[in-house]
Amino acid sequence: MSTTIKAYGAEDAKAHLKPISIERRACGDDDVKIDITYCGVCHSDIHTVRNDWKNSKYPVVPGHEIVGHVIEVGKNVKKFKNGDLVGVGCMVDSCQECASCKEDLEQFCEKGMVGTYNGKDKHLGGHTFGGYSTSIVVNKEFVLSIPKNIDPKGAAPLLCAGITTWSPLRHWKVKKGDKVGVIGLGGLGHMGVKFAHALGAHVVMITTSPDKAQDAKALGAHEVLISKNEDDMKKHKNSFDFILNTIPVGHEMDPYIALLKRDATMVLVGAVEPLKPFHGGGLIGGRKRIAGSLIGGIKETQEMLDFCGEHNIVSDIELIDMFDINKAYERVIDSDVKYRFVIDMASLKG
């Protein structure tokens, strides 16, 4: 059984998003049905709509930063009840059996995690549809509790931008007193600054734009390093314990490698594309590391949300109506948002 609901989607790579109808499965024994109130807009949404990664399935209904209220639960669901404020991030399923899943690393499921959109829908066939819609039905293991004391609008981007930056900070054990660089002050970077600051690190925002200095400090950065200033870059050479690199496109790596201490790590979370060649000597000379990080598992994502509740951390957002989404996409591409768009789904329901 299934239900037809309202959504916004794109029919092909060149099409604007527009109102469409999609099917949602009935709420099964292990499922939670959620009335969506807010959905964040991620750059991955745009890449998928426009088939930049050459794997899109149409029609595409994006959205994997979902916040809403439970309106139905299956008989095997004990953790959630009607009315609970919950979230759904980038995954809605995984095999739950492989080594990664058993270690609470579902994002690395060896059989392939099921994306909230553009994934394989094992219930209805075809592919999954995301949060640019009025409701969603999700397996209970992939539903997250949103702390009641934080703004649900600002909580939506935590389900992707938040966990994408939180996971590497925790995995590489960033701690009080560490000197942490965050490269790029966008949707990911501004969350990296907030988290690193809350963890007690000395936070340095690394940016090409002097205009971003005031915002960076307001978000929690202790210093701002302009990467185009060679003299300032030299002053910070070999001094960082950890660098979070959120640049979303291919770029020069050597200047940032030079900033790392011996045995320190720079983690890439933004550039899902080829990087420009870099000199191996920069790594070898200091036993330095370049690593990558995806999102986080469900357990880690819940820990991040709980931390946000304790420290009152949310994303800085601009709330938009659903029918403004195409204009918002262009503004994201132009870096004209501080720092994340969130859709008010009441505008789709009305």
Protein backbone atom coordinates (compact mmCIF):
# COMPACT_ATOMS: atom_id res chain seq x y z
CA MET A 1 0.00 0.00 0.00
CA SER A 2 1.10 3.56 -0.66
CA THR A 3 -0.13 7.13 -0.42
CA THR A 4 0.23 9.94 -2.95
CA ILE A 5 1.67 13.14 -1.47
CA LYS A 6 2.83 16.57 -2.61
CA ALA A 7 6.50 17.17 -3.39
CA TYR A 8 8.88 19.37 -5.36
CA GLY A 9 11.16 17.71 -7.86
CA ALA A 10 13.03 17.93 -11.15
CA GLU A 11 12.24 15.79 -14.19
CA ASP A 12 15.71 16.03 -15.75
CA ALA A 13 19.11 17.66 -15.30
CA LYS A 14 18.13 20.91 -17.02
CA ALA A 15 14.70 21.30 -15.44
CA HIS A 16 13.66 23.66 -12.65
CA LEU A 17 12.12 22.06 -9.60
CA LYS A 18 8.33 22.15 -9.69
CA PRO A 19 5.33 20.64 -7.88
CA ILE A 20 4.98 16.90 -8.47
CA SER A 21 3.23 13.98 -6.80
CA ILE A 22 5.12 11.01 -5.35
CA GLU A 23 4.24 7.79 -3.58
CA ARG A 24 5.10 7.02 0.04
CA ARG A 25 4.78 3.53 1.49
CA ALA A 26 2.37 2.78 4.29
CA CYS A 27 3.87 2.84 7.78
CA GLY A 28 5.17 -0.69 8.45
CA ASP A 29 5.81 -2.45 11.74
CA ASP A 30 9.33 -1.01 12.02
CA ASP A 31 8.59 2.38 10.51
CA VAL A 32 8.03 5.94 11.64
CA LYS A 33 5.87 8.30 9.59
CA ILE A 34 6.89 11.94 9.84
CA ASP A 35 5.04 15.12 8.94
CA ILE A 36 7.85 17.31 7.57
CA THR A 37 7.95 20.85 8.90
CA TYR A 38 11.42 21.98 7.74
CA CYS A 39 13.98 20.76 5.23
CA GLY A 40 17.46 22.19 4.71
CA VAL A 41 18.96 22.87 1.30
CA CYS A 42 22.32 21.17 0.77
CA HIS A 43 24.75 21.71 -2.11
CA SER A 44 24.42 17.96 -2.71
CA ASP A 45 20.76 18.59 -3.59
CA ILE A 46 21.87 20.84 -6.43
CA HIS A 47 24.56 18.42 -7.63
CA THR A 48 21.98 15.63 -7.75
CA VAL A 49 19.24 17.67 -9.44
CA ARG A 50 21.73 18.74 -12.11
CA ASN A 51 23.34 15.29 -12.40
CA ASP A 52 26.80 16.67 -11.70
CA TRP A 53 27.89 13.31 -10.32
CA LYS A 54 26.38 11.37 -13.27
CA ASN A 55 24.28 9.05 -11.12
CA SER A 56 20.96 10.88 -10.73
CA LYS A 57 17.64 9.08 -11.08
CA TYR A 58 14.67 11.13 -12.23
CA PRO A 59 12.41 12.54 -11.10
CA VAL A 60 14.70 13.80 -8.33
CA VAL A 61 13.07 14.94 -5.09
CA PRO A 62 15.99 16.23 -2.99
CA GLY A 63 16.26 16.97 0.73
CA HIS A 64 18.20 15.12 3.44
CA GLU A 65 18.09 17.64 6.27
CA ILE A 66 14.61 16.82 7.50
CA VAL A 67 12.86 17.90 10.70
CA GLY A 68 9.26 17.12 11.55
CA HIS A 69 6.82 15.51 13.95
CA VAL A 70 5.92 11.85 14.26
CA ILE A 71 2.35 11.16 13.10
CA GLU A 72 2.37 7.35 13.07
CA VAL A 73 4.57 4.51 14.35
CA GLY A 74 4.67 0.78 13.63
CA LYS A 75 3.96 -1.80 16.31
CA ASN A 76 7.66 -2.57 16.84
CA VAL A 77 8.61 1.06 17.43
CA LYS A 78 9.25 1.82 21.12
CA LYS A 79 11.58 4.82 21.01
CA PHE A 80 9.23 7.26 19.25
CA LYS A 81 5.60 8.28 19.67
CA ASN A 82 3.18 10.61 17.94
CA GLY A 83 4.09 14.26 18.36
CA ASP A 84 7.84 13.71 18.92
CA LEU A 85 10.17 16.17 17.18
CA VAL A 86 12.50 14.07 15.04
CA GLY A 87 14.98 14.32 12.22
CA VAL A 88 16.12 12.32 9.21
CA GLY A 89 19.52 12.85 7.64
CA CYS A 90 21.30 11.51 4.59
CA MET A 91 20.43 7.82 5.10
CA VAL A 92 17.18 5.91 5.42
CA ASP A 93 18.52 2.34 5.43
CA SER A 94 21.56 0.05 5.34
CA CYS A 95 22.16 -3.69 5.53
CA GLN A 96 22.59 -3.56 9.35
CA GLU A 97 24.75 -6.71 9.09
CA CYS A 98 28.19 -5.81 7.73
CA ALA A 99 31.19 -4.84 9.85
CA SER A 100 30.63 -1.12 9.27
CA CYS A 101 26.96 -1.25 10.24
CA LYS A 102 27.75 -3.27 13.37
CA GLU A 103 30.27 -0.60 14.34
CA ASP A 104 27.61 2.15 13.99
CA LEU A 105 29.16 3.36 10.75
CA GLU A 106 26.15 2.86 8.49
CA GLN A 107 27.42 5.55 6.13
CA PHE A 108 30.12 3.09 5.08
CA CYS A 109 27.76 0.09 4.73
CA GLU A 110 29.59 -2.50 2.65
CA LYS A 111 26.42 -3.25 0.69
CA GLY A 112 25.76 0.45 0.20
CA MET A 113 23.72 2.67 2.49
CA VAL A 114 20.37 3.82 1.10
CA GLY A 115 20.34 7.55 0.53
CA THR A 116 17.33 9.57 1.64
CA TYR A 117 16.96 10.49 -2.02
CA ASN A 118 18.36 8.93 -5.19
CA GLY A 119 18.84 5.62 -3.34
CA LYS A 120 17.35 2.22 -4.12
CA ASP A 121 13.83 1.97 -2.67
CA LYS A 122 13.49 -1.66 -1.56
CA HIS A 123 9.87 -1.16 -0.49
CA LEU A 124 8.17 0.42 -3.51
CA GLY A 125 10.85 -0.20 -6.14
CA GLY A 126 12.52 2.56 -8.09
CA HIS A 127 14.42 5.16 -6.08
CA THR A 128 13.95 7.08 -2.87
CA PHE A 129 12.51 10.59 -2.60
CA GLY A 130 13.73 13.16 -0.11
CA GLY A 131 12.43 15.87 2.14
CA TYR A 132 11.13 18.40 -0.37
CA SER A 133 7.78 16.78 0.39
CA THR A 134 4.97 16.85 2.92
CA SER A 135 5.82 13.59 4.71
CA ILE A 136 8.21 10.65 4.78
CA VAL A 137 8.20 7.08 6.12
CA VAL A 138 11.53 5.87 7.54
CA ASN A 139 12.80 2.77 9.32
CA LYS A 140 13.00 3.45 13.06
CA GLU A 141 16.76 2.82 13.12
CA PHE A 142 17.33 5.90 10.95
CA VAL A 143 15.15 8.38 12.85
CA LEU A 144 16.83 10.84 15.22
CA SER A 145 15.56 12.73 18.25
CA ILE A 146 15.81 16.52 18.04
CA PRO A 147 16.44 18.25 21.39
CA LYS A 148 13.39 20.23 22.44
CA ASN A 149 15.37 23.31 23.48
CA ILE A 150 16.87 24.14 20.07
CA ASP A 151 15.21 25.92 17.17
CA PRO A 152 13.85 23.22 14.82
CA LYS A 153 14.45 25.45 11.78
CA GLY A 154 18.12 25.83 12.63
CA ALA A 155 18.33 22.15 13.58
CA ALA A 156 17.52 20.93 10.06
CA PRO A 157 21.02 21.55 8.58
CA LEU A 158 22.58 19.69 11.50
CA LEU A 159 21.40 16.48 9.81
CA CYS A 160 23.97 16.95 7.03
CA ALA A 161 26.16 20.06 7.42
CA GLY A 162 26.33 19.47 11.16
CA ILE A 163 27.28 15.81 11.17
CA THR A 164 29.64 16.24 8.20
CA THR A 165 31.78 18.60 10.29
CA TRP A 166 31.20 17.02 13.70
CA SER A 167 32.29 13.52 12.66
CA PRO A 168 35.90 14.37 11.68
CA LEU A 169 36.35 16.64 14.69
CA ARG A 170 35.39 13.73 16.94
CA HIS A 171 37.17 10.98 15.00
CA TRP A 172 40.47 12.88 15.07
CA LYS A 173 39.85 13.69 18.75
CA VAL A 174 39.95 17.47 18.61
CA LYS A 175 40.19 18.69 22.19
CA LYS A 176 40.55 21.74 24.37
CA GLY A 177 43.65 23.74 23.51
CA ASP A 178 44.17 22.30 20.01
CA LYS A 179 44.79 24.79 17.24
CA VAL A 180 42.15 24.01 14.63
CA GLY A 181 41.85 25.58 11.20
CA VAL A 182 38.57 25.65 9.29
CA ILE A 183 38.98 26.42 5.59
CA GLY A 184 35.96 28.08 3.99
CA LEU A 185 33.09 29.89 5.68
CA GLY A 186 29.99 28.41 4.08
CA GLY A 187 27.30 25.98 5.18
CA LEU A 188 29.87 23.43 6.34
CA GLY A 189 32.55 25.84 7.51
CA HIS A 190 30.34 27.86 9.80
CA MET A 191 29.29 24.66 11.58
CA GLY A 192 32.92 23.57 11.85
CA VAL A 193 33.77 26.84 13.58
CA LYS A 194 30.87 26.50 16.03
CA PHE A 195 31.71 22.90 16.92
CA ALA A 196 35.47 23.40 17.25
CA HIS A 197 34.87 26.42 19.49
CA ALA A 198 32.43 24.48 21.68
CA LEU A 199 34.98 21.66 22.00
CA GLY A 200 37.46 24.16 23.47
CA ALA A 201 39.82 24.45 20.51
CA HIS A 202 41.61 27.61 19.43
CA VAL A 203 39.81 28.17 16.15
CA VAL A 204 41.30 29.87 13.12
CA MET A 205 39.05 30.60 10.15
CA ILE A 206 41.09 30.27 6.96
CA THR A 207 39.54 32.17 4.05
CA THR A 208 40.41 34.03 0.87
CA SER A 209 38.04 36.85 1.78
CA PRO A 210 38.86 39.52 4.40
CA ASP A 211 35.16 40.46 4.33
CA LYS A 212 34.34 37.27 6.22
CA ALA A 213 36.51 38.08 9.25
CA GLN A 214 33.78 39.74 11.31
CA ASP A 215 31.28 36.93 10.70
CA ALA A 216 33.90 34.28 11.49
CA LYS A 217 34.67 35.84 14.86
CA ALA A 218 30.97 36.21 15.66
CA LEU A 219 30.58 32.46 15.02
CA GLY A 220 33.43 31.59 17.41
CA ALA A 221 36.71 31.92 15.52
CA HIS A 222 39.55 33.32 17.62
CA GLU A 223 41.60 34.36 14.59
CA VAL A 224 41.12 34.82 10.87
CA LEU A 225 43.88 33.84 8.44
CA ILE A 226 43.65 35.24 4.91
CA SER A 227 45.11 32.51 2.73
CA LYS A 228 46.08 34.94 -0.05
CA ASN A 229 48.39 36.78 2.37
CA GLU A 230 51.72 34.95 2.01
CA ASP A 231 53.31 36.63 5.01
CA ASP A 232 50.46 35.64 7.33
CA MET A 233 50.47 32.10 5.94
CA LYS A 234 54.18 31.84 6.75
CA LYS A 235 53.53 32.97 10.33
CA HIS A 236 51.14 30.05 10.80
CA LYS A 237 53.38 27.46 9.07
CA ASN A 238 53.70 24.10 10.88
CA SER A 239 51.36 25.20 13.68
CA PHE A 240 47.96 23.52 13.27
CA ASP A 241 46.96 20.37 15.14
CA PHE A 242 44.03 19.79 12.79
CA ILE A 243 42.54 21.41 9.69
CA LEU A 244 38.97 20.92 8.45
CA ASN A 245 38.88 21.65 4.73
CA THR A 246 35.35 22.50 3.50
CA ILE A 247 36.25 23.91 0.07
CA PRO A 248 33.68 22.35 -2.32
CA VAL A 249 35.79 22.37 -5.50
CA GLY A 250 39.23 21.25 -6.64
CA HIS A 251 41.94 23.59 -5.32
CA GLU A 252 45.62 24.02 -4.48
CA MET A 253 46.54 21.89 -1.47
CA ASP A 254 50.19 22.79 -0.86
CA PRO A 255 49.56 26.09 0.99
CA TYR A 256 47.30 24.32 3.49
CA ILE A 257 49.57 21.28 3.91
CA ALA A 258 52.31 23.71 4.95
CA LEU A 259 50.17 24.89 7.87
CA LEU A 260 50.02 21.46 9.53
CA LYS A 261 52.24 20.46 12.43
CA ARG A 262 54.29 17.29 12.26
CA ASP A 263 51.94 14.28 12.45
CA ALA A 264 48.86 16.50 12.03
CA THR A 265 45.90 15.86 9.73
CA MET A 266 43.87 17.84 7.22
CA VAL A 267 40.45 16.34 6.51
CA LEU A 268 38.52 16.97 3.32
CA VAL A 269 34.74 17.14 3.59
CA GLY A 270 33.80 19.39 0.68
CA ALA A 271 35.55 18.51 -2.57
CA VAL A 272 33.89 15.44 -4.08
CA GLU A 273 35.91 15.90 -7.26
CA PRO A 274 39.54 15.80 -8.43
CA LEU A 275 42.04 17.92 -6.54
CA LYS A 276 44.89 19.81 -8.13
CA PRO A 277 48.26 17.98 -7.94
CA PHE A 278 50.21 18.65 -4.77
CA HIS A 279 53.84 18.07 -3.77
CA GLY A 280 54.49 14.85 -1.86
CA GLY A 281 57.38 16.47 -0.04
CA GLY A 282 54.99 18.61 1.94
CA LEU A 283 53.55 15.46 3.49
CA ILE A 284 56.72 13.42 3.75
CA GLY A 285 58.69 16.24 5.39
CA GLY A 286 56.40 16.35 8.42
CA ARG A 287 54.74 12.92 8.39
CA LYS A 288 51.53 14.83 7.69
CA ARG A 289 48.24 13.34 6.60
CA ILE A 290 45.42 14.20 4.22
CA ALA A 291 42.22 12.31 4.97
CA GLY A 292 38.57 12.36 3.98
CA SER A 293 35.35 12.04 5.93
CA LEU A 294 31.76 11.41 4.92
CA ILE A 295 28.81 12.06 7.25
CA GLY A 296 28.50 10.05 10.46
CA GLY A 297 26.62 6.98 11.62
CA ILE A 298 23.26 7.21 13.37
CA LYS A 299 24.75 6.84 16.86
CA GLU A 300 27.28 9.60 16.21
CA THR A 301 24.63 11.83 14.65
CA GLN A 302 22.48 11.48 17.77
CA GLU A 303 25.49 12.32 19.92
CA MET A 304 26.02 15.45 17.81
CA LEU A 305 22.37 16.48 18.23
CA ASP A 306 22.58 15.94 21.98
CA PHE A 307 25.76 18.06 22.10
CA CYS A 308 23.90 20.78 20.19
CA GLY A 309 21.13 20.62 22.79
CA GLU A 310 23.64 20.97 25.62
CA HIS A 311 25.45 23.90 23.99
CA ASN A 312 22.48 25.48 22.19
CA ILE A 313 24.09 25.11 18.76
CA VAL A 314 22.11 25.37 15.53
CA SER A 315 22.88 26.42 11.99
CA ASP A 316 22.55 30.04 10.90
CA ILE A 317 19.75 29.93 8.34
CA GLU A 318 17.54 31.85 5.96
CA LEU A 319 13.98 30.49 5.88
CA ILE A 320 12.35 30.28 2.44
CA ASP A 321 9.08 29.07 0.94
CA MET A 322 9.09 25.99 -1.27
CA PHE A 323 8.28 27.99 -4.41
CA ASP A 324 11.50 30.03 -3.95
CA ILE A 325 13.72 26.96 -4.25
CA ASN A 326 14.99 27.57 -7.80
CA LYS A 327 16.09 31.09 -6.88
CA ALA A 328 17.71 29.68 -3.72
CA TYR A 329 19.72 27.20 -5.80
CA GLU A 330 21.23 30.04 -7.82
CA ARG A 331 22.06 31.91 -4.63
CA VAL A 332 23.80 28.84 -3.16
CA ILE A 333 25.95 28.58 -6.28
CA ASP A 334 26.78 32.28 -5.94
CA SER A 335 27.61 31.80 -2.21
CA ASP A 336 24.83 34.27 -1.42
CA VAL A 337 23.47 32.74 1.78
CA LYS A 338 24.41 32.90 5.47
CA TYR A 339 24.76 30.05 5.84
CA ARG A 340 22.07 27.56 4.96
CA PHE A 341 18.65 27.80 3.35
CA VAL A 342 15.84 25.96 5.11
CA ILE A 343 12.45 25.38 3.48
CA ASP A 344 9.28 26.02 5.46
CA MET A 345 7.24 23.02 4.32
CA ALA A 346 3.98 24.70 5.36
CA SER A 347 4.33 26.57 2.05
CA LEU A 348 4.01 23.26 0.17
CA LYS A 349 1.11 21.99 2.22
CA GLY A 350 -0.94 25.17 1.91
